[in-house]
Structure formats: C-alpha cells, structure tokens
Amino acid sequence: MGGGRLEAGLRGPRHEEAPRSSALDRAQPITGGLWHRRVKHTAGRRRRSARMGRVPSREQIDKALEAVIDPELRRSIVELQMVRAVEVSSNGVVDVTVSLTTAGCPIRGHFQTSVAQAVGALEGVSHVNVFFDVLSDAEKAALRERLGRASLPEGALAQVRNVVCVGSGKGGVGKSTLTANLAAALSAEGRRAGVLDADVWGYSIPRMYGLGATRPPVSPERKIVPLEAYGVKVMSIGFFVEEDAAVVWRGPMLHKALSQFLQDVAWGELDHLLIDLPPGTGDVSMTLAQLLPQARFTIVTTPQPTAQRVARRAAEMAHKVSLEISGVIENMSGFTTPTGERYAIFGEGGGQELADELEVPLLGKVPLTMPLREHADSGTPLVLEDPDDPASQAIRHAARGLIAQAPVELPVLSATPAPGNGASAPAPPPASPQPAGMSLPMA
C-alpha cells in the first residue's frame, strides 16, 4: 500500500467493468454472496439509468458511505475523513479510495465489502471499484487529535465479530454466573468466545473459571495475552490486583483501564466477546457505550416485578446511548430440586413481560439449581460439567439465541488468474507493522 492505490478487487459482472487501462484493471472479477445476487437482480435497472445519465452525486455517495463504520474507531469513515477520493464516470462506474491507518490493516476486507455494497445500492451505479491508500503521519496525528486519543488502534478488536454487553439494573441477579456459562456454552457450540470482566468493583469471572489472580503474559509486541480456560479467552481487573483486593477507582481510571482492555489486549479472532457489566448505569456502562457503539446489550433479570422494573432502567440507558438490545434472559426462574420439583420462589413472568415491553426476544429462562451455584464457586462452568442440568439446558438455549442473532457471513470468493496463462501469481499482502502497547494503570 505505502501511499499507492491498491484495487480491492470487488467488481461487477464482466460486461460492466470500468473502462480502465492499467494492469490493476485486468484483475479478475470477484463474484458470489449477497453482492453478486444484488448485482444480478439490479444490473438491468442500473444499465438503463447509466445510459440515461442519472449517476449519483458526490453528496449522495458520501451519504451512502456514512453507513460504513470503522469496527474499531466505531465511527463512519466519512466522519473520520477516511474517504480519500470519489470519482464518478458517465457510465455509472464509481471509484472510491479509502485511506487506512496501517498498510496491513486486518479489517481491509470489511471496508472493501461495505463500501461496495453501500455505493452499489445507489441508483445509477453500474459498477464499484474500491481502492486503498494509507494515511500520512500528519493525517494520523490530526485523526488522533479529533478523536482525543493518544494512539490509534492497531487491530486488537479488528477480528472480533460480535460484542455483547451483559448487564442488569441491579446486583445479585446472577449476571456474572450467566456470562461465564454463556461464553462456555458458545465455545461448546464451536464458537470462539471471550469474556471481559468489566465489573471492576465486583469482579468474579476469574474465580468462576478457576483462574484466581493469575497474571496474564505480555506478547513480544507488548500486547496483553488473555488467559484461557475451557476454550474461553478471559480478561479481568482481578488479574492485576491481589486476589480479593478492593479496587477503589473513579471515572478517569476506569475509562483508561477499560479502553486498554479493549485496545491493548491481543483478543485475536473471536466470534463473540461477552462483556460482564457492573450493575446499574454508572461510569463503566457509559464508557463502554462510548467505546463500543455497535455492541449489543443483553439484559439479565429475575422474575419478580421489582427486579424487572429495575432492569428496565438498564434498557433505558442502552436506548439513550443507542445500543441495540439483543434480548432478555430471566435468571432464577424458579428453583428446581434435585428430584425435579419446581418452586417459583421469585414469582413468574417478569422476564417475558420485560421482553414484550422492549419488543425483544426472551432468550432463556434459567432455573436456580444447586449445581449452578456449586460449579460457579468451584470454578468450573456448569454447562460443560453437567450439560443435562436444567440450568445448563436453559443457558445453552440462550447461547444458541445469541448465535442465531449473529449469523456467520459467507466469504466472497476471489477468482485469481492461474499461473502459466500469462498472469503472475498475486503478491502477498504487506506485513502489518508491530503494534505498540500501553501501560495499564494497575500495572
């Protein structure tokens, strides 16, 4: 990349290719997936529009590109001023150049697909070419200043597909127990899962995974490597303080620590990152809402009306900061004895009532069983140790609900010229620069 334009390779059907003459334009078209089907169904309309000269304006293209969000900076590429150039031809061909923060940006494919889909949906567009270059040092400095950040992310969350905040309006509803078991259930379903224990004052995730106060290692790139237990990557403030020590922090310290847990931890490829929020709607929840505006919010409540109304406040906070609510989980939904008898200790129907009020699904009704409490204390997730327990079955059902809300995107197949036909093999992408770490406030 190094400042030069690199074609992303997203092209429409062959007869719609842009009239370019450079070697880049002779790259093979990529077809398949939703992009290919959309082009197939709308190609005729676009060709007619292009012939009549109804091509979109720069303002319309910029408006469409506002839907393309940087997964790490969590803002539109238009707002971030990452759209370097837009060229519109009279035949409906649009060239868009996007400036990346690093040459080996791991989320280039995200921009490639999203830009092509956003611009390609406009009337009069017959074909989209996506190019990339790299922000200069001065442009990076200006971007950092606009964002109020000391550094730009280097890919820590770039490979995390879904971020789910697990919250409640009050404490004592079993939110951390559910988070630990949900992540283990996702792992058992073949998903790569991680847990960030953001309940800074009441951290308990390390104990529930049997990790105690183990100090996580640091990679040669000065990234914190999350600990792993039962196939789940785990990060918590509990790893950086003495076991069971009280954390007495206020807003600025919390904001810095949470920012680093998200940006300076080598999370790697994850299908789901679950964030265990503290109770209520305080500093931590607001910080995470600011850092992760595209995260989804799962609300945990118990069945009784009092808890359900308090949980409603957490939902109101999510709405105010524009976080999507993915669903409700009702915990302690009756007590099930070892012999199978059930007692509605906390009443009935609070979770369903809250879900109906918010117009979101009730992901699960988890009963209170003795093994659920015992395994949380012993540091072994119940869903793995006793999958037949009623609580395990309910938690696995809720995990499948989260999976259903985040289907895996189908890959876009790339047709590359075969060696020996006058075309050389594609050059490998440039290596990503080594990221620089930051000093955690608790270190």
Protein backbone atom coordinates (compact mmCIF):
# COMPACT_ATOMS: atom_id res chain seq x y z
CA MET A 1 0.00 0.00 0.00
CA GLY A 2 2.60 2.58 1.10
CA GLY A 3 0.54 5.50 -0.18
CA GLY A 4 -0.23 3.96 -3.60
CA ARG A 5 -3.72 2.85 -4.58
CA LEU A 6 -4.49 -0.83 -4.39
CA GLU A 7 -7.61 -2.17 -6.00
CA ALA A 8 -9.78 -4.20 -3.64
CA GLY A 9 -10.98 -6.41 -6.44
CA LEU A 10 -14.74 -6.01 -5.94
CA ARG A 11 -16.15 -5.87 -9.45
CA GLY A 12 -19.48 -6.43 -11.03
CA PRO A 13 -20.22 -8.69 -14.00
CA ARG A 14 -17.59 -8.69 -16.76
CA HIS A 15 -19.60 -6.70 -19.27
CA GLU A 16 -19.94 -3.89 -16.69
CA GLU A 17 -16.25 -3.46 -15.96
CA ALA A 18 -14.83 0.02 -15.76
CA PRO A 19 -13.06 1.29 -18.88
CA ARG A 20 -9.61 1.35 -17.30
CA SER A 21 -6.32 0.58 -18.97
CA SER A 22 -3.92 -0.08 -16.10
CA ALA A 23 -2.72 -3.53 -15.09
CA LEU A 24 -4.91 -3.30 -11.98
CA ASP A 25 -8.00 -3.22 -14.17
CA ARG A 26 -7.17 -6.60 -15.66
CA ALA A 27 -7.66 -8.28 -12.25
CA GLN A 28 -10.30 -10.99 -12.31
CA PRO A 29 -13.76 -10.11 -11.03
CA ILE A 30 -14.95 -11.33 -7.65
CA THR A 31 -18.46 -12.71 -7.63
CA GLY A 32 -20.59 -14.57 -5.14
CA GLY A 33 -22.54 -13.88 -1.95
CA LEU A 34 -25.10 -11.15 -1.44
CA TRP A 35 -23.11 -8.71 -3.62
CA HIS A 36 -23.34 -11.00 -6.65
CA ARG A 37 -27.06 -11.62 -6.19
CA ARG A 38 -27.81 -7.94 -5.73
CA VAL A 39 -25.92 -7.05 -8.90
CA LYS A 40 -27.68 -9.82 -10.80
CA HIS A 41 -31.15 -8.58 -9.89
CA THR A 42 -30.46 -4.88 -10.41
CA ALA A 43 -27.93 -4.81 -13.24
CA GLY A 44 -30.57 -4.09 -15.88
CA ARG A 45 -32.01 -1.16 -13.99
CA ARG A 46 -28.56 0.28 -13.40
CA ARG A 47 -27.53 -0.03 -17.04
CA ARG A 48 -30.67 1.80 -18.12
CA SER A 49 -30.06 4.50 -15.52
CA ALA A 50 -26.40 4.83 -16.51
CA ARG A 51 -27.27 5.19 -20.20
CA MET A 52 -29.71 7.96 -19.35
CA GLY A 53 -27.00 9.79 -17.40
CA ARG A 54 -28.62 9.54 -13.97
CA VAL A 55 -25.46 8.96 -11.98
CA PRO A 56 -25.28 9.80 -8.25
CA SER A 57 -23.69 12.99 -7.00
CA ARG A 58 -20.74 13.17 -4.62
CA GLU A 59 -23.13 14.22 -1.85
CA GLN A 60 -25.28 11.13 -2.41
CA ILE A 61 -22.22 8.88 -2.37
CA ASP A 62 -20.92 10.48 0.83
CA LYS A 63 -24.34 9.99 2.40
CA ALA A 64 -24.30 6.31 1.46
CA LEU A 65 -20.78 5.90 2.84
CA GLU A 66 -21.93 7.14 6.25
CA ALA A 67 -23.23 3.60 6.72
CA VAL A 68 -19.68 2.22 6.55
CA ILE A 69 -18.38 2.09 10.13
CA ASP A 70 -14.80 1.52 11.23
CA PRO A 71 -15.17 -1.52 13.54
CA GLU A 72 -12.53 -0.25 15.96
CA LEU A 73 -12.94 3.52 15.94
CA ARG A 74 -16.73 2.92 15.86
CA ARG A 75 -17.44 5.89 13.60
CA SER A 76 -18.31 6.41 9.98
CA ILE A 77 -15.44 6.57 7.51
CA VAL A 78 -16.96 9.85 6.30
CA GLU A 79 -16.85 11.33 9.79
CA LEU A 80 -13.29 10.04 10.20
CA GLN A 81 -12.34 11.65 6.85
CA MET A 82 -11.04 8.34 5.55
CA VAL A 83 -12.68 8.75 2.13
CA ARG A 84 -9.72 9.95 0.12
CA ALA A 85 -11.37 10.34 -3.29
CA VAL A 86 -14.56 9.59 -5.20
CA GLU A 87 -14.71 9.52 -8.99
CA VAL A 88 -17.95 9.01 -10.91
CA SER A 89 -17.96 8.15 -14.63
CA SER A 90 -20.79 8.94 -17.00
CA ASN A 91 -21.46 5.22 -17.49
CA GLY A 92 -22.21 4.72 -13.78
CA VAL A 93 -18.79 3.44 -12.68
CA VAL A 94 -17.76 4.77 -9.25
CA ASP A 95 -14.19 4.65 -7.92
CA VAL A 96 -13.82 5.10 -4.16
CA THR A 97 -10.44 5.40 -2.42
CA VAL A 98 -10.36 4.73 1.33
CA SER A 99 -7.40 5.71 3.49
CA LEU A 100 -6.38 3.15 6.12
CA THR A 101 -4.48 3.79 9.34
CA THR A 102 -1.97 1.00 8.62
CA ALA A 103 -0.78 -0.65 5.42
CA GLY A 104 -1.52 -4.16 6.69
CA CYS A 105 -4.89 -3.24 8.18
CA PRO A 106 -6.62 -6.54 9.15
CA ILE A 107 -10.08 -5.10 8.52
CA ARG A 108 -9.45 -4.04 4.92
CA GLY A 109 -11.87 -6.72 3.73
CA HIS A 110 -14.61 -5.18 5.87
CA PHE A 111 -14.17 -1.81 4.15
CA GLN A 112 -13.90 -3.47 0.76
CA THR A 113 -17.26 -5.22 1.07
CA SER A 114 -19.11 -2.46 2.94
CA VAL A 115 -18.09 0.34 0.58
CA ALA A 116 -19.06 -1.70 -2.48
CA GLN A 117 -22.44 -2.58 -1.00
CA ALA A 118 -23.23 0.94 0.23
CA VAL A 119 -22.31 2.70 -3.03
CA GLY A 120 -23.60 -0.10 -5.26
CA ALA A 121 -27.09 0.30 -3.80
CA LEU A 122 -27.41 3.83 -5.24
CA GLU A 123 -29.49 4.39 -8.37
CA GLY A 124 -27.39 4.85 -11.48
CA VAL A 125 -24.36 2.92 -10.23
CA SER A 126 -23.38 0.16 -12.63
CA HIS A 127 -20.08 -0.85 -11.04
CA VAL A 128 -17.93 -0.06 -7.98
CA ASN A 129 -14.15 -0.08 -7.73
CA VAL A 130 -12.66 0.14 -4.25
CA PHE A 131 -9.07 1.31 -3.76
CA PHE A 132 -6.95 1.84 -0.65
CA ASP A 133 -4.09 4.04 0.44
CA VAL A 134 -2.57 4.87 3.83
CA LEU A 135 -2.95 7.97 5.99
CA SER A 136 0.19 10.03 6.29
CA ASP A 137 1.75 10.64 9.69
CA ALA A 138 0.30 14.16 9.73
CA GLU A 139 -3.16 12.83 8.88
CA LYS A 140 -2.90 10.21 11.62
CA ALA A 141 -1.92 12.90 14.10
CA ALA A 142 -4.91 15.02 13.05
CA LEU A 143 -7.20 11.99 13.42
CA ARG A 144 -5.88 11.27 16.91
CA GLU A 145 -6.48 14.89 17.85
CA ARG A 146 -10.05 14.81 16.55
CA LEU A 147 -10.75 11.61 18.46
CA GLY A 148 -9.00 12.80 21.61
CA ARG A 149 -6.85 9.67 21.70
CA ALA A 150 -3.18 9.14 22.37
CA SER A 151 -2.96 6.43 19.73
CA LEU A 152 -4.99 4.71 17.07
CA PRO A 153 -6.00 1.05 17.46
CA GLU A 154 -3.74 -1.50 15.82
CA GLY A 155 -6.19 -4.32 15.33
CA ALA A 156 -6.99 -5.58 18.85
CA LEU A 157 -10.73 -5.78 18.17
CA ALA A 158 -10.49 -5.99 14.41
CA GLN A 159 -11.10 -9.74 14.42
CA VAL A 160 -13.94 -9.74 16.98
CA ARG A 161 -17.17 -10.32 15.09
CA ASN A 162 -19.74 -9.66 17.83
CA VAL A 163 -19.57 -7.76 21.12
CA VAL A 164 -22.36 -8.47 23.62
CA CYS A 165 -22.65 -6.49 26.85
CA VAL A 166 -24.39 -8.48 29.60
CA GLY A 167 -25.97 -6.08 32.08
CA SER A 168 -28.66 -5.64 34.67
CA GLY A 169 -30.21 -2.81 36.60
CA LYS A 170 -29.23 -4.22 39.98
CA GLY A 171 -26.80 -6.63 41.58
CA GLY A 172 -27.49 -10.13 42.82
CA VAL A 173 -29.33 -11.40 39.74
CA GLY A 174 -26.60 -13.87 38.71
CA LYS A 175 -25.31 -11.85 35.77
CA SER A 176 -21.67 -12.96 36.13
CA THR A 177 -22.64 -16.61 36.53
CA LEU A 178 -24.68 -16.40 33.34
CA THR A 179 -21.89 -14.59 31.47
CA ALA A 180 -19.29 -17.24 32.39
CA ASN A 181 -21.61 -20.09 31.42
CA LEU A 182 -22.85 -18.37 28.24
CA ALA A 183 -19.27 -18.00 26.99
CA ALA A 184 -18.54 -21.66 27.79
CA ALA A 185 -21.75 -22.68 26.01
CA LEU A 186 -20.75 -20.65 22.94
CA SER A 187 -17.39 -22.39 22.96
CA ALA A 188 -19.12 -25.78 23.22
CA GLU A 189 -21.17 -24.81 20.15
CA GLY A 190 -17.96 -24.34 18.18
CA ARG A 191 -17.78 -20.55 18.51
CA ARG A 192 -14.62 -18.70 19.54
CA ALA A 193 -15.61 -16.86 22.71
CA GLY A 194 -14.04 -14.40 25.10
CA VAL A 195 -15.11 -12.69 28.32
CA LEU A 196 -14.10 -9.24 29.52
CA ASP A 197 -14.89 -8.80 33.20
CA ALA A 198 -15.82 -5.11 33.28
CA ASP A 199 -17.40 -5.36 36.73
CA VAL A 200 -14.37 -3.61 38.16
CA TRP A 201 -15.60 -3.36 41.73
CA GLY A 202 -17.28 -6.76 41.91
CA TYR A 203 -15.04 -8.85 39.63
CA SER A 204 -15.80 -12.57 39.91
CA ILE A 205 -15.15 -14.05 36.44
CA PRO A 206 -11.58 -15.23 37.32
CA ARG A 207 -12.89 -17.31 40.21
CA MET A 208 -15.70 -18.78 38.09
CA TYR A 209 -13.12 -20.07 35.61
CA GLY A 210 -10.70 -21.24 38.30
CA LEU A 211 -8.04 -18.68 37.33
CA GLY A 212 -7.66 -16.80 40.60
CA ALA A 213 -5.23 -13.87 40.44
CA THR A 214 -3.00 -15.36 37.74
CA ARG A 215 -1.06 -12.61 35.98
CA PRO A 216 -1.51 -12.74 32.17
CA PRO A 217 1.62 -12.72 29.99
CA VAL A 218 2.67 -9.95 27.63
CA SER A 219 3.49 -10.69 24.00
CA PRO A 220 6.70 -9.53 22.25
CA GLU A 221 4.52 -6.84 20.63
CA ARG A 222 3.67 -5.57 24.15
CA LYS A 223 0.12 -6.77 23.96
CA ILE A 224 -1.53 -8.40 26.99
CA VAL A 225 -2.38 -12.01 26.21
CA PRO A 226 -5.74 -13.03 27.74
CA LEU A 227 -5.77 -16.15 29.87
CA GLU A 228 -7.73 -19.09 28.52
CA ALA A 229 -9.92 -21.56 30.37
CA TYR A 230 -12.39 -24.10 28.97
CA GLY A 231 -11.83 -22.71 25.48
CA VAL A 232 -12.72 -19.15 26.54
CA LYS A 233 -10.33 -16.17 26.50
CA VAL A 234 -10.65 -14.22 29.74
CA MET A 235 -9.54 -10.76 30.85
CA SER A 236 -10.32 -9.14 34.21
CA ILE A 237 -9.06 -6.46 36.56
CA GLY A 238 -8.74 -9.34 39.04
CA PHE A 239 -5.58 -10.48 37.23
CA PHE A 240 -3.78 -7.24 38.11
CA VAL A 241 -4.56 -6.88 41.81
CA GLU A 242 -4.07 -9.14 44.79
CA GLU A 243 -6.76 -11.79 44.99
CA ASP A 244 -9.97 -10.38 46.52
CA ALA A 245 -8.40 -6.92 46.88
CA ALA A 246 -10.79 -3.97 46.69
CA VAL A 247 -10.50 -1.72 43.64
CA VAL A 248 -11.10 1.92 44.61
CA TRP A 249 -11.19 3.80 41.33
CA ARG A 250 -13.19 6.66 39.92
CA GLY A 251 -14.17 7.69 36.40
CA PRO A 252 -10.83 8.60 34.70
CA MET A 253 -9.01 5.49 35.95
CA LEU A 254 -11.93 3.27 34.95
CA HIS A 255 -12.10 4.80 31.49
CA LYS A 256 -8.38 4.30 30.88
CA ALA A 257 -8.36 0.70 32.12
CA LEU A 258 -11.41 -0.32 30.08
CA SER A 259 -10.03 1.38 26.98
CA GLN A 260 -6.84 -0.64 27.32
CA PHE A 261 -8.70 -3.89 27.98
CA LEU A 262 -10.39 -3.38 24.63
CA GLN A 263 -7.49 -1.97 22.61
CA ASP A 264 -4.31 -3.28 24.21
CA VAL A 265 -5.28 -6.93 24.70
CA ALA A 266 -4.49 -9.47 21.98
CA TRP A 267 -8.01 -10.87 21.68
CA GLY A 268 -7.31 -12.38 18.26
CA GLU A 269 -10.16 -13.93 16.28
CA LEU A 270 -13.39 -14.19 18.27
CA ASP A 271 -16.94 -14.86 17.20
CA HIS A 272 -18.32 -13.44 20.46
CA LEU A 273 -16.80 -11.19 23.11
CA LEU A 274 -19.07 -11.08 26.16
CA ILE A 275 -18.61 -8.11 28.50
CA ASP A 276 -19.78 -8.60 32.07
CA LEU A 277 -21.02 -5.14 33.09
CA PRO A 278 -21.34 -3.91 36.66
CA PRO A 279 -24.88 -3.34 37.96
CA GLY A 280 -26.63 -0.10 37.22
CA THR A 281 -25.91 2.65 34.70
CA GLY A 282 -22.71 4.25 36.00
CA ASP A 283 -19.28 5.14 34.63
CA VAL A 284 -18.35 1.71 33.28
CA SER A 285 -21.53 1.27 31.27
CA MET A 286 -21.25 4.77 29.81
CA THR A 287 -17.56 4.28 28.92
CA LEU A 288 -18.26 1.03 27.12
CA ALA A 289 -21.19 2.56 25.29
CA GLN A 290 -18.82 5.29 24.08
CA LEU A 291 -16.09 2.85 23.05
CA LEU A 292 -18.41 0.21 21.56
CA PRO A 293 -21.42 1.94 19.98
CA GLN A 294 -22.08 -1.11 17.78
CA ALA A 295 -22.20 -3.59 20.67
CA ARG A 296 -25.46 -5.30 21.57
CA PHE A 297 -26.96 -5.36 25.05
CA THR A 298 -28.38 -8.45 26.77
CA ILE A 299 -30.38 -7.77 29.93
CA VAL A 300 -30.49 -10.18 32.86
CA THR A 301 -33.39 -10.01 35.30
CA THR A 302 -35.13 -12.18 37.84
CA PRO A 303 -38.86 -12.89 37.56
CA GLN A 304 -40.25 -10.64 40.31
CA PRO A 305 -41.76 -7.29 39.28
CA THR A 306 -39.34 -5.23 41.40
CA ALA A 307 -36.24 -6.63 39.66
CA GLN A 308 -37.94 -6.41 36.28
CA ARG A 309 -38.66 -2.70 36.72
CA VAL A 310 -35.06 -2.03 37.78
CA ALA A 311 -33.78 -3.95 34.76
CA ARG A 312 -36.00 -1.68 32.65
CA ARG A 313 -33.75 1.22 33.66
CA ALA A 314 -30.73 -0.57 32.21
CA ALA A 315 -32.66 -0.93 28.96
CA GLU A 316 -33.44 2.78 29.03
CA MET A 317 -29.73 3.53 29.41
CA ALA A 318 -28.99 1.31 26.39
CA HIS A 319 -31.56 3.20 24.34
CA LYS A 320 -30.14 6.57 25.36
CA VAL A 321 -26.66 5.63 24.16
CA SER A 322 -28.05 3.93 21.02
CA LEU A 323 -27.05 0.36 21.93
CA GLU A 324 -29.16 -2.35 20.37
CA ILE A 325 -30.86 -4.67 22.87
CA SER A 326 -30.49 -8.25 21.72
CA GLY A 327 -32.77 -9.86 24.27
CA VAL A 328 -33.64 -10.67 27.86
CA ILE A 329 -32.54 -13.62 29.99
CA GLU A 330 -34.64 -14.46 33.03
CA ASN A 331 -32.43 -15.94 35.75
CA MET A 332 -33.59 -17.74 38.91
CA SER A 333 -36.71 -18.69 37.04
CA GLY A 334 -37.96 -20.99 39.76
CA PHE A 335 -35.99 -23.36 41.98
CA THR A 336 -35.57 -26.90 40.73
CA THR A 337 -34.80 -29.51 43.37
CA PRO A 338 -32.51 -32.49 42.72
CA THR A 339 -35.65 -34.64 42.38
CA GLY A 340 -37.09 -32.36 39.69
CA GLU A 341 -39.66 -30.44 41.73
CA ARG A 342 -40.01 -26.76 40.84
CA TYR A 343 -40.88 -23.82 43.10
CA ALA A 344 -41.48 -20.29 41.77
CA ILE A 345 -39.61 -18.59 44.61
CA PHE A 346 -39.30 -15.24 42.83
CA GLY A 347 -42.63 -15.29 41.04
CA GLU A 348 -43.38 -15.84 37.38
CA GLY A 349 -43.31 -13.96 34.10
CA GLY A 350 -41.08 -10.96 34.81
CA GLY A 351 -38.61 -11.78 32.06
CA GLN A 352 -41.26 -12.32 29.43
CA GLU A 353 -43.05 -9.14 30.47
CA LEU A 354 -39.82 -7.12 30.11
CA ALA A 355 -39.05 -8.72 26.76
CA ASP A 356 -42.55 -7.93 25.49
CA GLU A 357 -42.27 -4.34 26.69
CA LEU A 358 -38.92 -3.88 24.92
CA GLU A 359 -40.08 -5.85 21.85
CA VAL A 360 -37.06 -8.16 22.01
CA PRO A 361 -36.86 -11.95 22.39
CA LEU A 362 -36.73 -13.76 25.71
CA LEU A 363 -33.52 -15.70 25.12
CA GLY A 364 -33.92 -18.07 28.04
CA LYS A 365 -35.44 -18.83 31.45
CA VAL A 366 -32.68 -20.21 33.65
CA PRO A 367 -33.82 -22.04 36.80
CA LEU A 368 -31.94 -21.79 40.06
CA THR A 369 -30.34 -25.17 40.68
CA MET A 370 -27.87 -26.27 43.33
CA PRO A 371 -25.23 -27.43 40.79
CA LEU A 372 -25.29 -23.99 39.12
CA ARG A 373 -24.20 -22.36 42.36
CA GLU A 374 -21.75 -25.14 43.27
CA HIS A 375 -19.91 -25.08 39.94
CA ALA A 376 -19.66 -21.28 39.96
CA ASP A 377 -17.92 -21.47 43.34
CA SER A 378 -15.64 -24.31 42.27
CA GLY A 379 -14.52 -22.59 39.05
CA THR A 380 -15.98 -25.00 36.50
CA PRO A 381 -18.78 -23.92 34.13
CA LEU A 382 -21.90 -25.98 34.71
CA VAL A 383 -22.75 -26.16 31.01
CA LEU A 384 -19.60 -28.22 30.45
CA GLU A 385 -19.59 -30.32 33.61
CA ASP A 386 -23.29 -31.21 33.75
CA PRO A 387 -24.96 -30.47 30.40
CA ASP A 388 -28.16 -32.30 31.45
CA ASP A 389 -28.86 -29.99 34.38
CA PRO A 390 -31.98 -27.84 33.73
CA ALA A 391 -29.95 -24.66 34.17
CA SER A 392 -27.35 -25.91 31.66
CA GLN A 393 -30.03 -26.64 29.09
CA ALA A 394 -31.57 -23.18 29.51
CA ILE A 395 -28.19 -21.44 29.21
CA ARG A 396 -27.32 -23.42 26.08
CA HIS A 397 -30.67 -22.37 24.63
CA ALA A 398 -29.83 -18.70 25.33
CA ALA A 399 -26.39 -19.15 23.74
CA ARG A 400 -27.98 -20.55 20.59
CA GLY A 401 -30.22 -17.47 20.55
CA LEU A 402 -27.14 -15.23 20.52
CA ILE A 403 -25.65 -17.32 17.71
CA ALA A 404 -28.86 -17.02 15.69
CA GLN A 405 -28.71 -13.23 16.00
CA ALA A 406 -25.18 -13.13 14.57
CA PRO A 407 -25.05 -15.46 11.56
CA VAL A 408 -21.66 -16.12 10.05
CA GLU A 409 -21.07 -14.09 6.88
CA LEU A 410 -20.40 -16.14 3.79
CA PRO A 411 -16.97 -15.48 2.26
CA VAL A 412 -16.67 -13.72 -1.07
CA LEU A 413 -14.80 -15.97 -3.46
CA SER A 414 -11.96 -14.46 -5.44
CA ALA A 415 -11.10 -15.63 -8.93
CA THR A 416 -7.35 -15.36 -9.46
CA PRO A 417 -5.52 -15.99 -12.72
CA ALA A 418 -3.88 -19.40 -12.87
CA PRO A 419 -0.09 -19.43 -13.21
CA GLY A 420 1.07 -20.29 -16.71
CA ASN A 421 -1.67 -18.36 -18.52
CA GLY A 422 0.34 -15.20 -18.93
CA ALA A 423 -0.56 -13.98 -15.45
CA SER A 424 1.66 -13.99 -12.43
CA ALA A 425 0.52 -15.13 -9.00
CA PRO A 426 -0.85 -12.32 -6.78
CA ALA A 427 1.70 -10.73 -4.49
CA PRO A 428 1.25 -11.43 -0.77
CA PRO A 429 -0.13 -8.52 1.32
CA PRO A 430 2.43 -6.38 3.11
CA ALA A 431 3.23 -7.39 6.67
CA SER A 432 1.45 -5.47 9.40
CA PRO A 433 3.67 -3.21 11.48
CA GLN A 434 4.24 -4.34 15.05
CA PRO A 435 1.77 -2.62 17.41
CA ALA A 436 2.99 -0.69 20.40
CA GLY A 437 1.48 -1.37 23.81
CA MET A 438 0.39 0.88 26.63
CA SER A 439 0.96 0.84 30.38
CA LEU A 440 -2.05 -0.30 32.33
CA PRO A 441 -2.90 1.93 35.31
CA MET A 442 -2.94 -1.11 37.59
CA ALA A 443 0.49 -2.39 36.50
